[in-house]
Amino acid sequence: MGMLAYMKRTTVKLPDDLDREVRDEATRRGLTISEWTREAIAAHLPRQGARRRLLAAGAGASGRSDISERIEEILGAELPRRP
């Protein structure tokens, strides 16, 4: 049984266009829809002790020399806006 022995099945209803995007993205990444969905959900849940991955963290390898001057702009684009 392996991993499935401790997993719970959940049904999620999606509009057709979102379902297509999920399937396309899972295929593009070489994942099953279940694997991709688990990763996507986990990425949006705060986990104790987990650090948030900032997409700007790779900015140092960008080949640009103005990153330190633009860091606020870059981080502002990466982090979600809070109401």
Protein backbone atom coordinates (compact mmCIF):
# COMPACT_ATOMS: atom_id res chain seq x y z
CA MET A 1 0.00 0.00 0.00
CA GLY A 2 2.87 2.40 0.72
CA MET A 3 2.07 6.11 0.86
CA LEU A 4 -1.64 5.64 0.14
CA ALA A 5 -2.12 3.87 3.48
CA TYR A 6 -1.93 7.16 5.37
CA MET A 7 -3.52 9.53 2.86
CA LYS A 8 -7.08 10.79 2.87
CA ARG A 9 -9.02 11.16 -0.38
CA THR A 10 -10.55 14.59 -1.00
CA THR A 11 -12.71 15.69 -3.90
CA VAL A 12 -12.32 19.20 -5.26
CA LYS A 13 -14.65 20.69 -7.86
CA LEU A 14 -12.95 22.93 -10.43
CA PRO A 15 -14.24 24.89 -13.38
CA ASP A 16 -13.19 23.39 -16.72
CA ASP A 17 -10.56 26.04 -17.48
CA LEU A 18 -8.83 25.64 -14.12
CA ASP A 19 -8.95 21.84 -14.40
CA ARG A 20 -7.20 22.08 -17.78
CA GLU A 21 -4.50 24.36 -16.33
CA VAL A 22 -3.90 21.98 -13.41
CA ARG A 23 -3.62 18.99 -15.74
CA ASP A 24 -1.31 20.85 -18.14
CA GLU A 25 0.96 22.04 -15.32
CA ALA A 26 1.14 18.59 -13.72
CA THR A 27 2.05 17.09 -17.10
CA ARG A 28 4.64 19.80 -17.75
CA ARG A 29 6.30 19.04 -14.40
CA GLY A 30 6.09 15.27 -14.86
CA LEU A 31 3.80 14.85 -11.84
CA THR A 32 0.48 13.17 -11.30
CA ILE A 33 -2.42 15.50 -10.64
CA SER A 34 -2.47 14.26 -7.03
CA GLU A 35 1.25 15.00 -6.56
CA TRP A 36 0.92 18.47 -8.08
CA THR A 37 -2.19 19.23 -6.01
CA ARG A 38 -0.49 18.16 -2.75
CA GLU A 39 2.52 20.36 -3.55
CA ALA A 40 0.32 23.35 -4.44
CA ILE A 41 -1.76 23.03 -1.27
CA ALA A 42 1.31 22.53 0.94
CA ALA A 43 2.94 25.63 -0.57
CA HIS A 44 -0.01 27.76 0.59
CA LEU A 45 -0.25 26.46 4.15
CA PRO A 46 1.84 27.95 6.95
CA ARG A 47 3.84 25.15 8.52
CA GLN A 48 5.50 25.40 11.88
CA GLY A 49 9.24 25.82 11.40
CA ALA A 50 8.95 26.01 7.62
CA ARG A 51 10.52 28.94 5.82
CA ARG A 52 8.72 30.59 2.97
CA ARG A 53 10.47 30.28 -0.38
CA LEU A 54 11.05 33.65 -1.99
CA LEU A 55 11.35 33.58 -5.74
CA ALA A 56 13.69 36.58 -5.55
CA ALA A 57 16.23 34.48 -3.64
CA GLY A 58 17.91 33.57 -6.94
CA ALA A 59 18.32 37.22 -7.88
CA GLY A 60 22.06 37.09 -7.09
CA ALA A 61 22.63 34.88 -10.10
CA SER A 62 20.70 37.10 -12.47
CA GLY A 63 23.71 38.79 -14.03
CA ARG A 64 22.23 42.21 -13.14
CA SER A 65 24.17 44.71 -11.08
CA ASP A 66 21.22 46.76 -9.77
CA ILE A 67 19.58 44.11 -7.56
CA SER A 68 20.58 45.72 -4.26
CA GLU A 69 19.06 49.02 -5.35
CA ARG A 70 15.84 47.33 -6.53
CA ILE A 71 15.37 44.81 -3.69
CA GLU A 72 12.20 46.46 -2.31
CA GLU A 73 10.64 46.47 -5.78
CA ILE A 74 11.64 42.83 -6.38
CA LEU A 75 10.37 41.59 -3.00
CA GLY A 76 7.17 43.61 -3.40
CA ALA A 77 6.49 41.78 -6.65
CA GLU A 78 7.19 38.36 -5.06
CA LEU A 79 5.20 38.66 -1.82
CA PRO A 80 1.40 38.61 -1.78
CA ARG A 81 -0.36 41.82 -0.84
CA ARG A 82 -2.17 41.78 2.51
CA PRO A 83 -5.49 43.59 2.89
